[in-house]
C-alpha atoms as a PDB file:
ATOM      1  CA  UNK A   1     177.912  -4.079 122.256  1.00  0.00           C
ATOM      2  CA  UNK A   2     175.169  -4.428 119.445  1.00  0.00           C
ATOM      3  CA  UNK A   3     176.674  -6.074 116.591  1.00  0.00           C
ATOM      4  CA  UNK A   4     173.388  -5.866 114.451  1.00  0.00           C
ATOM      5  CA  UNK A   5     172.981  -3.260 111.639  1.00  0.00           C
ATOM      6  CA  UNK A   6     171.809  -0.283 112.997  1.00  0.00           C
ATOM      7  CA  UNK A   7     171.348   2.450 110.353  1.00  0.00           C
ATOM      8  CA  UNK A   8     169.230   5.594 110.126  1.00  0.00           C
ATOM      9  CA  UNK A   9     168.537   6.500 106.831  1.00  0.00           C
ATOM     10  CA  UNK A  10     168.053  10.433 106.103  1.00  0.00           C
ATOM     11  CA  UNK A  11     166.866  10.527 102.263  1.00  0.00           C
ATOM     12  CA  UNK A  12     166.071  13.927 100.964  1.00  0.00           C
ATOM     13  CA  UNK A  13     165.074  13.909  97.378  1.00  0.00           C
ATOM     14  CA  UNK A  14     164.507  17.917  96.539  1.00  0.00           C
ATOM     15  CA  UNK A  15     166.083  21.075  97.163  1.00  0.00           C
ATOM     16  CA  UNK A  16     164.353  23.795  99.373  1.00  0.00           C
ATOM     17  CA  UNK A  17     162.089  26.129  97.452  1.00  0.00           C
ATOM     18  CA  UNK A  18     159.318  28.724  97.781  1.00  0.00           C
ATOM     19  CA  UNK A  19     156.080  29.374  96.060  1.00  0.00           C
ATOM     20  CA  UNK A  20     157.684  31.727  93.427  1.00  0.00           C
ATOM     21  CA  UNK A  21     160.525  28.775  92.434  1.00  0.00           C
ATOM     22  CA  UNK A  22     159.564  25.582  90.455  1.00  0.00           C
ATOM     23  CA  UNK A  23     161.711  22.940  92.039  1.00  0.00           C
ATOM     24  CA  UNK A  24     161.656  20.813  88.713  1.00  0.00           C
ATOM     25  CA  UNK A  25     162.854  23.534  86.525  1.00  0.00           C
ATOM     26  CA  UNK A  26     166.159  22.591  85.240  1.00  0.00           C
ATOM     27  CA  UNK A  27     166.346  19.332  87.128  1.00  0.00           C
ATOM     28  CA  UNK A  28     169.836  17.916  87.521  1.00  0.00           C
ATOM     29  CA  UNK A  29     170.583  14.489  88.764  1.00  0.00           C
ATOM     30  CA  UNK A  30     172.583  14.446  92.019  1.00  0.00           C
ATOM     31  CA  UNK A  31     174.025  11.665  94.296  1.00  0.00           C
ATOM     32  CA  UNK A  32     173.500  11.546  97.993  1.00  0.00           C
ATOM     33  CA  UNK A  33     175.784   9.936 100.521  1.00  0.00           C
ATOM     34  CA  UNK A  34     174.420   8.865 103.988  1.00  0.00           C
ATOM     35  CA  UNK A  35     176.312   7.042 106.745  1.00  0.00           C
ATOM     36  CA  UNK A  36     176.254   7.134 110.430  1.00  0.00           C
ATOM     37  CA  UNK A  37     179.398   5.965 112.117  1.00  0.00           C
ATOM     38  CA  UNK A  38     178.820   4.022 115.451  1.00  0.00           C
ATOM     39  CA  UNK A  39     181.395   4.485 118.122  1.00  0.00           C
ATOM     40  CA  UNK A  40     179.880   1.437 119.969  1.00  0.00           C
ATOM     41  CA  UNK A  41     179.902  -0.838 116.932  1.00  0.00           C
ATOM     42  CA  UNK A  42     182.365  -2.727 114.749  1.00  0.00           C
ATOM     43  CA  UNK A  43     180.035  -2.710 111.743  1.00  0.00           C
ATOM     44  CA  UNK A  44     179.840   0.549 109.797  1.00  0.00           C
ATOM     45  CA  UNK A  45     177.198   1.040 106.918  1.00  0.00           C
ATOM     46  CA  UNK A  46     176.799   3.818 104.139  1.00  0.00           C
ATOM     47  CA  UNK A  47     174.151   4.198 101.608  1.00  0.00           C
ATOM     48  CA  UNK A  48     174.290   5.879  98.081  1.00  0.00           C
ATOM     49  CA  UNK A  49     171.018   7.217  96.259  1.00  0.00           C
ATOM     50  CA  UNK A  50     170.144   9.391  93.395  1.00  0.00           C
ATOM     51  CA  UNK A  51     167.694  12.225  93.025  1.00  0.00           C
ATOM     52  CA  UNK A  52     164.746  11.513  90.611  1.00  0.00           C
ATOM     53  CA  UNK A  53     161.944  13.195  89.051  1.00  0.00           C
ATOM     54  CA  UNK A  54     158.147  12.198  89.302  1.00  0.00           C
ATOM     55  CA  UNK A  55     154.898  13.304  87.420  1.00  0.00           C
ATOM     56  CA  UNK A  56     153.888  16.448  89.706  1.00  0.00           C
ATOM     57  CA  UNK A  57     155.451  17.404  92.824  1.00  0.00           C
ATOM     58  CA  UNK A  58     154.950  14.437  95.238  1.00  0.00           C
ATOM     59  CA  UNK A  59     158.168  12.191  95.613  1.00  0.00           C
ATOM     60  CA  UNK A  60     156.124   9.719  97.472  1.00  0.00           C
ATOM     61  CA  UNK A  61     154.680   8.845  94.213  1.00  0.00           C
ATOM     62  CA  UNK A  62     158.021   7.286  93.269  1.00  0.00           C
ATOM     63  CA  UNK A  63     157.656   3.711  92.387  1.00  0.00           C
ATOM     64  CA  UNK A  64     161.484   2.904  92.052  1.00  0.00           C
ATOM     65  CA  UNK A  65     164.347   2.435  94.493  1.00  0.00           C
ATOM     66  CA  UNK A  66     166.624   5.400  94.683  1.00  0.00           C
ATOM     67  CA  UNK A  67     169.501   3.272  96.209  1.00  0.00           C
ATOM     68  CA  UNK A  68     172.165   2.242  93.884  1.00  0.00           C
ATOM     69  CA  UNK A  69     175.133  -0.352  94.093  1.00  0.00           C
ATOM     70  CA  UNK A  70     178.420  -0.254  92.158  1.00  0.00           C
ATOM     71  CA  UNK A  71     180.176   2.637  94.029  1.00  0.00           C
ATOM     72  CA  UNK A  72     183.435   2.349  95.549  1.00  0.00           C
ATOM     73  CA  UNK A  73     183.130   3.440  99.166  1.00  0.00           C
ATOM     74  CA  UNK A  74     185.987   3.733 101.819  1.00  0.00           C
ATOM     75  CA  UNK A  75     186.245   4.916 105.295  1.00  0.00           C
ATOM     76  CA  UNK A  76     189.458   6.858 106.460  1.00  0.00           C
ATOM     77  CA  UNK A  77     190.482   7.248 110.285  1.00  0.00           C
ATOM     78  CA  UNK A  78     192.744  10.227 110.577  1.00  0.00           C
ATOM     79  CA  UNK A  79     194.200   9.030 113.884  1.00  0.00           C
ATOM     80  CA  UNK A  80     195.130   5.466 112.690  1.00  0.00           C
ATOM     81  CA  UNK A  81     195.779   6.396 108.966  1.00  0.00           C
ATOM     82  CA  UNK A  82     193.935   3.509 108.027  1.00  0.00           C
ATOM     83  CA  UNK A  83     191.661   3.221 104.918  1.00  0.00           C
ATOM     84  CA  UNK A  84     189.037   0.589 104.794  1.00  0.00           C
ATOM     85  CA  UNK A  85     187.125  -0.529 101.748  1.00  0.00           C
ATOM     86  CA  UNK A  86     183.291  -1.095 102.209  1.00  0.00           C
ATOM     87  CA  UNK A  87     181.773  -4.141 100.456  1.00  0.00           C
ATOM     88  CA  UNK A  88     178.466  -4.088  98.208  1.00  0.00           C
ATOM     89  CA  UNK A  89     175.664  -5.855  99.636  1.00  0.00           C
ATOM     90  CA  UNK A  90     171.908  -5.564  99.971  1.00  0.00           C
ATOM     91  CA  UNK A  91     168.992  -6.512 102.022  1.00  0.00           C
ATOM     92  CA  UNK A  92     165.122  -5.913 102.420  1.00  0.00           C
ATOM     93  CA  UNK A  93     165.117  -3.140 104.961  1.00  0.00           C
ATOM     94  CA  UNK A  94     163.028  -0.167 103.535  1.00  0.00           C
ATOM     95  CA  UNK A  95     159.572  -1.733 102.591  1.00  0.00           C
ATOM     96  CA  UNK A  96     158.829   1.596 100.909  1.00  0.00           C
ATOM     97  CA  UNK A  97     160.879   0.697  97.877  1.00  0.00           C
ATOM     98  CA  UNK A  98     160.586  -2.674  95.869  1.00  0.00           C
ATOM     99  CA  UNK A  99     163.253  -5.347  96.134  1.00  0.00           C
ATOM    100  CA  UNK A 100     166.290  -5.474  98.390  1.00  0.00           C
ATOM    101  CA  UNK A 101     168.101  -2.146  99.123  1.00  0.00           C
ATOM    102  CA  UNK A 102     171.759  -2.140  98.107  1.00  0.00           C
ATOM    103  CA  UNK A 103     174.154  -0.598 100.726  1.00  0.00           C
ATOM    104  CA  UNK A 104     177.797  -0.765 101.697  1.00  0.00           C
ATOM    105  CA  UNK A 105     179.350  -2.260 104.842  1.00  0.00           C
ATOM    106  CA  UNK A 106     182.462  -2.615 106.666  1.00  0.00           C
ATOM    107  CA  UNK A 107     183.376  -4.863 109.716  1.00  0.00           C
ATOM    108  CA  UNK A 108     185.962  -4.525 112.255  1.00  0.00           C
ATOM    109  CA  UNK A 109     186.071  -0.668 112.003  1.00  0.00           C
ATOM    110  CA  UNK A 110     186.256   0.653 115.657  1.00  0.00           C
ATOM    111  CA  UNK A 111     186.562   4.330 115.773  1.00  0.00           C
ATOM    112  CA  UNK A 112     187.245   6.013 119.250  1.00  0.00           C
ATOM    113  CA  UNK A 113     186.196   9.045 120.603  1.00  0.00           C
ATOM    114  CA  UNK A 114     187.346  12.284 118.885  1.00  0.00           C
ATOM    115  CA  UNK A 115     188.658  10.520 115.916  1.00  0.00           C
ATOM    116  CA  UNK A 116     187.961  12.056 112.569  1.00  0.00           C
ATOM    117  CA  UNK A 117     186.369   9.919 109.949  1.00  0.00           C
ATOM    118  CA  UNK A 118     186.171  10.523 106.339  1.00  0.00           C
ATOM    119  CA  UNK A 119     183.925   8.706 103.814  1.00  0.00           C
ATOM    120  CA  UNK A 120     184.644   8.804 100.176  1.00  0.00           C
ATOM    121  CA  UNK A 121     182.261   7.351  97.680  1.00  0.00           C
ATOM    122  CA  UNK A 122     183.198   7.227  93.914  1.00  0.00           C
ATOM    123  CA  UNK A 123     179.981   6.521  92.036  1.00  0.00           C
ATOM    124  CA  UNK A 124     179.862   4.406  88.732  1.00  0.00           C
ATOM    125  CA  UNK A 125     179.463   7.819  86.735  1.00  0.00           C
ATOM    126  CA  UNK A 126     182.762   9.034  88.427  1.00  0.00           C
ATOM    127  CA  UNK A 127     181.216  11.213  90.879  1.00  0.00           C
ATOM    128  CA  UNK A 128     183.121  11.805  94.070  1.00  0.00           C
ATOM    129  CA  UNK A 129     181.225  12.337  97.337  1.00  0.00           C
ATOM    130  CA  UNK A 130     182.927  13.131 100.735  1.00  0.00           C
ATOM    131  CA  UNK A 131     181.669  13.630 103.934  1.00  0.00           C
ATOM    132  CA  UNK A 132     183.555  13.944 107.325  1.00  0.00           C
ATOM    133  CA  UNK A 133     182.709  13.615 110.908  1.00  0.00           C
ATOM    134  CA  UNK A 134     184.255  13.717 114.428  1.00  0.00           C
ATOM    135  CA  UNK A 135     183.194  10.970 117.078  1.00  0.00           C
ATOM    136  CA  UNK A 136     181.496  12.666 119.995  1.00  0.00           C
ATOM    137  CA  UNK A 137     183.512  12.505 123.208  1.00  0.00           C
ATOM    138  CA  UNK A 138     182.440  10.676 126.208  1.00  0.00           C
ATOM    139  CA  UNK A 139     180.497  13.001 128.618  1.00  0.00           C
ATOM    140  CA  UNK A 140     180.820  13.238 132.413  1.00  0.00           C
ATOM    141  CA  UNK A 141     177.871  11.790 134.276  1.00  0.00           C
ATOM    142  CA  UNK A 142     176.341  12.989 137.608  1.00  0.00           C
ATOM    143  CA  UNK A 143     173.637  11.318 139.575  1.00  0.00           C
ATOM    144  CA  UNK A 144     171.971  12.997 142.503  1.00  0.00           C
ATOM    145  CA  UNK A 145     172.012   9.733 144.328  1.00  0.00           C
ATOM    146  CA  UNK A 146     174.573   6.746 143.434  1.00  0.00           C
ATOM    147  CA  UNK A 147     171.546   4.388 144.024  1.00  0.00           C
ATOM    148  CA  UNK A 148     167.842   4.620 142.695  1.00  0.00           C
ATOM    149  CA  UNK A 149     165.631   5.095 145.662  1.00  0.00           C
ATOM    150  CA  UNK A 150     162.589   7.354 146.458  1.00  0.00           C
ATOM    151  CA  UNK A 151     163.495   6.927 150.462  1.00  0.00           C
ATOM    152  CA  UNK A 152     164.950  10.395 151.422  1.00  0.00           C
ATOM    153  CA  UNK A 153     165.098  12.629 154.528  1.00  0.00           C
ATOM    154  CA  UNK A 154     164.538  15.672 152.543  1.00  0.00           C
ATOM    155  CA  UNK A 155     160.713  16.292 152.155  1.00  0.00           C
ATOM    156  CA  UNK A 156     161.456  18.743 149.284  1.00  0.00           C
ATOM    157  CA  UNK A 157     163.343  16.090 147.150  1.00  0.00           C
ATOM    158  CA  UNK A 158     161.100  14.601 144.776  1.00  0.00           C
ATOM    159  CA  UNK A 159     163.225  13.400 141.934  1.00  0.00           C
ATOM    160  CA  UNK A 160     166.216  11.314 141.059  1.00  0.00           C
ATOM    161  CA  UNK A 161     168.317  13.316 138.681  1.00  0.00           C
ATOM    162  CA  UNK A 162     171.086  12.714 136.280  1.00  0.00           C
ATOM    163  CA  UNK A 163     173.002  15.462 134.377  1.00  0.00           C
ATOM    164  CA  UNK A 164     176.002  15.251 131.981  1.00  0.00           C
ATOM    165  CA  UNK A 165     178.835  17.711 130.933  1.00  0.00           C
ATOM    166  CA  UNK A 166     180.351  17.736 127.567  1.00  0.00           C
ATOM    167  CA  UNK A 167     182.137  20.274 125.343  1.00  0.00           C
ATOM    168  CA  UNK A 168     180.306  20.754 121.947  1.00  0.00           C
ATOM    169  CA  UNK A 169     176.979  20.892 120.302  1.00  0.00           C
ATOM    170  CA  UNK A 170     175.242  17.855 120.429  1.00  0.00           C
ATOM    171  CA  UNK A 171     171.863  16.204 120.798  1.00  0.00           C
ATOM    172  CA  UNK A 172     171.210  13.695 123.255  1.00  0.00           C
ATOM    173  CA  UNK A 173     168.501  10.574 123.637  1.00  0.00           C
ATOM    174  CA  UNK A 174     168.650   9.351 127.221  1.00  0.00           C
ATOM    175  CA  UNK A 175     166.990   6.144 128.429  1.00  0.00           C
ATOM    176  CA  UNK A 176     166.756   4.695 132.180  1.00  0.00           C
ATOM    177  CA  UNK A 177     165.826   1.014 132.142  1.00  0.00           C
ATOM    178  CA  UNK A 178     164.901  -1.289 135.075  1.00  0.00           C
ATOM    179  CA  UNK A 179     166.310  -4.877 134.908  1.00  0.00           C
ATOM    180  CA  UNK A 180     164.416  -7.656 136.982  1.00  0.00           C
ATOM    181  CA  UNK A 181     163.793 -11.148 137.070  1.00  0.00           C
ATOM    182  CA  UNK A 182     161.174 -13.626 138.302  1.00  0.00           C
ATOM    183  CA  UNK A 183     162.212 -16.863 139.969  1.00  0.00           C
ATOM    184  CA  UNK A 184     159.568 -19.177 140.062  1.00  0.00           C
ATOM    185  CA  UNK A 185     159.764 -22.917 140.744  1.00  0.00           C
ATOM    186  CA  UNK A 186     163.364 -22.757 139.862  1.00  0.00           C
ATOM    187  CA  UNK A 187     162.518 -21.232 136.322  1.00  0.00           C
ATOM    188  CA  UNK A 188     164.322 -17.808 136.146  1.00  0.00           C
ATOM    189  CA  UNK A 189     163.107 -15.161 133.475  1.00  0.00           C
ATOM    190  CA  UNK A 190     164.521 -11.868 132.839  1.00  0.00           C
ATOM    191  CA  UNK A 191     162.672  -8.674 131.966  1.00  0.00           C
ATOM    192  CA  UNK A 192     163.368  -4.945 131.385  1.00  0.00           C
ATOM    193  CA  UNK A 193     161.223  -1.931 131.572  1.00  0.00           C
ATOM    194  CA  UNK A 194     161.866   1.567 130.835  1.00  0.00           C
ATOM    195  CA  UNK A 195     161.288   4.079 133.528  1.00  0.00           C
ATOM    196  CA  UNK A 196     159.354   7.352 132.224  1.00  0.00           C
ATOM    197  CA  UNK A 197     160.248  10.832 133.810  1.00  0.00           C
ATOM    198  CA  UNK A 198     156.761  11.601 134.775  1.00  0.00           C
ATOM    199  CA  UNK A 199     152.941  11.044 134.013  1.00  0.00           C
ATOM    200  CA  UNK A 200     150.752  13.557 131.906  1.00  0.00           C
ATOM    201  CA  UNK A 201     147.170  13.857 132.695  1.00  0.00           C
ATOM    202  CA  UNK A 202     144.979  13.338 129.777  1.00  0.00           C
ATOM    203  CA  UNK A 203     141.141  12.519 129.028  1.00  0.00           C
ATOM    204  CA  UNK A 204     142.474   8.847 128.835  1.00  0.00           C
ATOM    205  CA  UNK A 205     144.028   8.705 132.143  1.00  0.00           C
ATOM    206  CA  UNK A 206     147.580   9.260 133.058  1.00  0.00           C
ATOM    207  CA  UNK A 207     149.817   8.788 130.312  1.00  0.00           C
ATOM    208  CA  UNK A 208     153.658   8.000 130.652  1.00  0.00           C
ATOM    209  CA  UNK A 209     156.246  10.801 129.363  1.00  0.00           C
ATOM    210  CA  UNK A 210     159.436   9.016 128.344  1.00  0.00           C
ATOM    211  CA  UNK A 211     162.895  10.920 127.632  1.00  0.00           C
ATOM    212  CA  UNK A 212     163.120  12.096 124.009  1.00  0.00           C
ATOM    213  CA  UNK A 213     165.861  13.677 121.955  1.00  0.00           C
ATOM    214  CA  UNK A 214     167.098  16.969 123.676  1.00  0.00           C
ATOM    215  CA  UNK A 215     169.924  19.363 123.802  1.00  0.00           C
ATOM    216  CA  UNK A 216     169.499  19.749 127.606  1.00  0.00           C
ATOM    217  CA  UNK A 217     172.332  18.525 129.859  1.00  0.00           C
ATOM    218  CA  UNK A 218     170.326  16.742 132.283  1.00  0.00           C
ATOM    219  CA  UNK A 219     166.928  15.527 133.274  1.00  0.00           C
ATOM    220  CA  UNK A 220     164.836  14.237 136.457  1.00  0.00           C
ATOM    221  CA  UNK A 221     162.619  11.169 137.283  1.00  0.00           C
ATOM    222  CA  UNK A 222     159.720  11.396 139.436  1.00  0.00           C
ATOM    223  CA  UNK A 223     159.735   9.776 142.575  1.00  0.00           C
ATOM    224  CA  UNK A 224     156.294   9.023 142.310  1.00  0.00           C
ATOM    225  CA  UNK A 225     156.813   7.415 138.752  1.00  0.00           C
ATOM    226  CA  UNK A 226     159.838   5.314 139.858  1.00  0.00           C
ATOM    227  CA  UNK A 227     157.543   3.918 142.822  1.00  0.00           C
ATOM    228  CA  UNK A 228     154.692   3.148 140.230  1.00  0.00           C
ATOM    229  CA  UNK A 229     156.759   1.198 138.006  1.00  0.00           C
ATOM    230  CA  UNK A 230     158.353  -0.945 141.089  1.00  0.00           C
ATOM    231  CA  UNK A 231     154.826  -1.715 141.935  1.00  0.00           C
ATOM    232  CA  UNK A 232     153.516  -2.356 138.297  1.00  0.00           C
ATOM    233  CA  UNK A 233     156.150  -5.154 137.618  1.00  0.00           C
ATOM    234  CA  UNK A 234     154.162  -7.512 140.011  1.00  0.00           C
ATOM    235  CA  UNK A 235     150.796  -6.241 139.741  1.00  0.00           C
ATOM    236  CA  UNK A 236     148.264  -8.897 140.226  1.00  0.00           C
ATOM    237  CA  UNK A 237     150.975 -11.371 141.654  1.00  0.00           C
ATOM    238  CA  UNK A 238     150.748 -12.119 145.523  1.00  0.00           C
ATOM    239  CA  UNK A 239     154.097 -13.700 145.330  1.00  0.00           C
ATOM    240  CA  UNK A 240     156.264 -10.757 145.748  1.00  0.00           C
ATOM    241  CA  UNK A 241     159.235 -12.626 146.908  1.00  0.00           C
ATOM    242  CA  UNK A 242     159.811 -14.336 143.582  1.00  0.00           C
ATOM    243  CA  UNK A 243     160.668 -10.842 142.069  1.00  0.00           C
ATOM    244  CA  UNK A 244     164.490 -10.127 141.990  1.00  0.00           C
ATOM    245  CA  UNK A 245     165.384  -6.609 141.205  1.00  0.00           C
ATOM    246  CA  UNK A 246     168.859  -6.635 139.555  1.00  0.00           C
ATOM    247  CA  UNK A 247     169.653  -2.983 138.612  1.00  0.00           C
ATOM    248  CA  UNK A 248     168.968   0.052 136.397  1.00  0.00           C
ATOM    249  CA  UNK A 249     171.006   1.088 133.484  1.00  0.00           C
ATOM    250  CA  UNK A 250     171.212   4.733 132.028  1.00  0.00           C
ATOM    251  CA  UNK A 251     171.886   5.084 128.571  1.00  0.00           C
ATOM    252  CA  UNK A 252     172.972   8.272 126.694  1.00  0.00           C
ATOM    253  CA  UNK A 253     173.011   8.174 122.788  1.00  0.00           C
ATOM    254  CA  UNK A 254     175.175  11.171 121.451  1.00  0.00           C
ATOM    255  CA  UNK A 255     174.486  12.675 117.967  1.00  0.00           C
ATOM    256  CA  UNK A 256     177.412  14.612 116.561  1.00  0.00           C
ATOM    257  CA  UNK A 257     177.268  18.111 115.268  1.00  0.00           C
ATOM    258  CA  UNK A 258     176.188  17.023 111.767  1.00  0.00           C
ATOM    259  CA  UNK A 259     173.145  14.995 112.770  1.00  0.00           C
ATOM    260  CA  UNK A 260     172.399  17.623 115.534  1.00  0.00           C
ATOM    261  CA  UNK A 261     172.341  20.233 112.764  1.00  0.00           C
ATOM    262  CA  UNK A 262     170.102  18.023 110.652  1.00  0.00           C
ATOM    263  CA  UNK A 263     167.869  16.804 113.325  1.00  0.00           C
ATOM    264  CA  UNK A 264     167.029  20.227 114.576  1.00  0.00           C
ATOM    265  CA  UNK A 265     165.389  21.077 111.408  1.00  0.00           C
ATOM    266  CA  UNK A 266     163.851  17.771 110.298  1.00  0.00           C
ATOM    267  CA  UNK A 267     163.332  15.316 113.212  1.00  0.00           C
ATOM    268  CA  UNK A 268     162.126  12.003 113.278  1.00  0.00           C
ATOM    269  CA  UNK A 269     164.826   9.663 112.126  1.00  0.00           C
ATOM    270  CA  UNK A 270     165.959   7.583 115.416  1.00  0.00           C
ATOM    271  CA  UNK A 271     164.297   4.503 114.417  1.00  0.00           C
ATOM    272  CA  UNK A 272     166.493   1.725 112.690  1.00  0.00           C
ATOM    273  CA  UNK A 273     165.412   2.707 109.210  1.00  0.00           C
ATOM    274  CA  UNK A 274     163.364   5.680 108.307  1.00  0.00           C
ATOM    275  CA  UNK A 275     163.009   7.540 105.061  1.00  0.00           C
ATOM    276  CA  UNK A 276     162.073  11.132 104.993  1.00  0.00           C
ATOM    277  CA  UNK A 277     160.815  12.776 101.612  1.00  0.00           C
ATOM    278  CA  UNK A 278     161.231  16.245 102.284  1.00  0.00           C
ATOM    279  CA  UNK A 279     163.316  19.306 101.353  1.00  0.00           C
ATOM    280  CA  UNK A 280     166.979  19.173 101.840  1.00  0.00           C
ATOM    281  CA  UNK A 281     167.726  21.383 105.074  1.00  0.00           C
ATOM    282  CA  UNK A 282     171.114  20.126 105.815  1.00  0.00           C
ATOM    283  CA  UNK A 283     174.075  18.493 103.897  1.00  0.00           C
ATOM    284  CA  UNK A 284     177.962  18.067 104.858  1.00  0.00           C
ATOM    285  CA  UNK A 285     178.537  16.021 101.704  1.00  0.00           C
ATOM    286  CA  UNK A 286     181.040  17.560  99.256  1.00  0.00           C
ATOM    287  CA  UNK A 287     180.329  16.644  95.613  1.00  0.00           C
ATOM    288  CA  UNK A 288     176.524  16.006  96.184  1.00  0.00           C
ATOM    289  CA  UNK A 289     173.945  15.911  99.267  1.00  0.00           C
ATOM    290  CA  UNK A 290     173.402  13.782 102.349  1.00  0.00           C
ATOM    291  CA  UNK A 291     174.666  13.483 105.655  1.00  0.00           C
ATOM    292  CA  UNK A 292     177.669  11.781 107.245  1.00  0.00           C
ATOM    293  CA  UNK A 293     177.537  11.833 110.879  1.00  0.00           C
ATOM    294  CA  UNK A 294     178.178   9.829 114.007  1.00  0.00           C
ATOM    295  CA  UNK A 295     177.042   8.499 117.264  1.00  0.00           C
ATOM    296  CA  UNK A 296     178.620   7.184 120.659  1.00  0.00           C
ATOM    297  CA  UNK A 297     176.637   5.692 123.608  1.00  0.00           C
ATOM    298  CA  UNK A 298     177.716   5.617 126.988  1.00  0.00           C
ATOM    299  CA  UNK A 299     176.081   3.449 129.639  1.00  0.00           C
ATOM    300  CA  UNK A 300     176.067   3.335 133.502  1.00  0.00           C
ATOM    301  CA  UNK A 301     174.695   0.669 135.607  1.00  0.00           C
ATOM    302  CA  UNK A 302     172.836   2.017 138.626  1.00  0.00           C
ATOM    303  CA  UNK A 303     172.147   0.007 141.656  1.00  0.00           C
ATOM    304  CA  UNK A 304     168.648  -0.084 143.142  1.00  0.00           C
ATOM    305  CA  UNK A 305     169.014   0.491 147.002  1.00  0.00           C
ATOM    306  CA  UNK A 306     168.482  -2.843 149.035  1.00  0.00           C
ATOM    307  CA  UNK A 307     166.156  -1.518 151.628  1.00  0.00           C
ATOM    308  CA  UNK A 308     163.855   0.375 148.988  1.00  0.00           C
ATOM    309  CA  UNK A 309     163.418  -2.845 146.989  1.00  0.00           C
ATOM    310  CA  UNK A 310     162.771  -5.292 150.010  1.00  0.00           C
ATOM    311  CA  UNK A 311     160.039  -2.647 150.814  1.00  0.00           C
ATOM    312  CA  UNK A 312     157.925  -3.897 147.880  1.00  0.00           C
ATOM    313  CA  UNK A 313     158.486  -7.511 149.046  1.00  0.00           C
ATOM    314  CA  UNK A 314     161.068  -8.274 146.342  1.00  0.00           C
ATOM    315  CA  UNK A 315     164.651  -9.618 146.570  1.00  0.00           C
ATOM    316  CA  UNK A 316     167.706  -7.680 145.388  1.00  0.00           C
ATOM    317  CA  UNK A 317     169.629  -9.437 142.535  1.00  0.00           C
ATOM    318  CA  UNK A 318     170.000 -13.271 142.003  1.00  0.00           C
END
């Protein structure tokens, strides 16, 4: 499991408005709480920010850092009935803002599927922010073929398919990655390459189209693309036998209902650290604004069919 800090920050500074409403009239300072609880990590992080005023109506002109230290932040798991206090720390993770950004972290917090997690933050001014999330359950994966190969006796079959079944309203981020290695003169180097779904024709040639966030419960990878990726990894190298195909891994990131609701209206927060200066469209934080959500990740190793691998002149596994 990944042990590094992986937090997507969803920062919104102004209430929604229309042309007949002045968003700065009767401005009141509000606290914002953001946290994404990760079921695949023991490190959990939260961030506290405050709304602010700027000259004019462009929050991008703000020169300060809206994140604040000094709050008391805790995580409560209703299954274990354990409360964990987050420690106050900081790091240079958001270059949009000057200096280090304060945040709160707790280690050795391992939520399970369907756990109800509550985050409570008490600010230095005495404001209390509360957000709650339920860890997404694991979906049931179904593969059209237990191995990846484009060799088939069915002439109408043109894709390798994967689907999943899960109860609830979620957004999914799927990815299929091929793992391989080269073994040259006793020196072994490992590589990975993400497999696109298909190619899109454009004026600049064919562009690979990769899976993105979706509410769909399945997707299909073109056989043509899989063949092309297999050929690409040794392009220009006549020593095909030095290539060892290990396996592929299908990964599915699941965003809970809170993140799904937010993402449906704003999008664009799936990188490690991103800040969005936009209108507030969704909040599940009592006593303030912000989003407390959760994610889970499932992975499935998928073998690459040996005869298919050998057809490219490669070897199967090390």
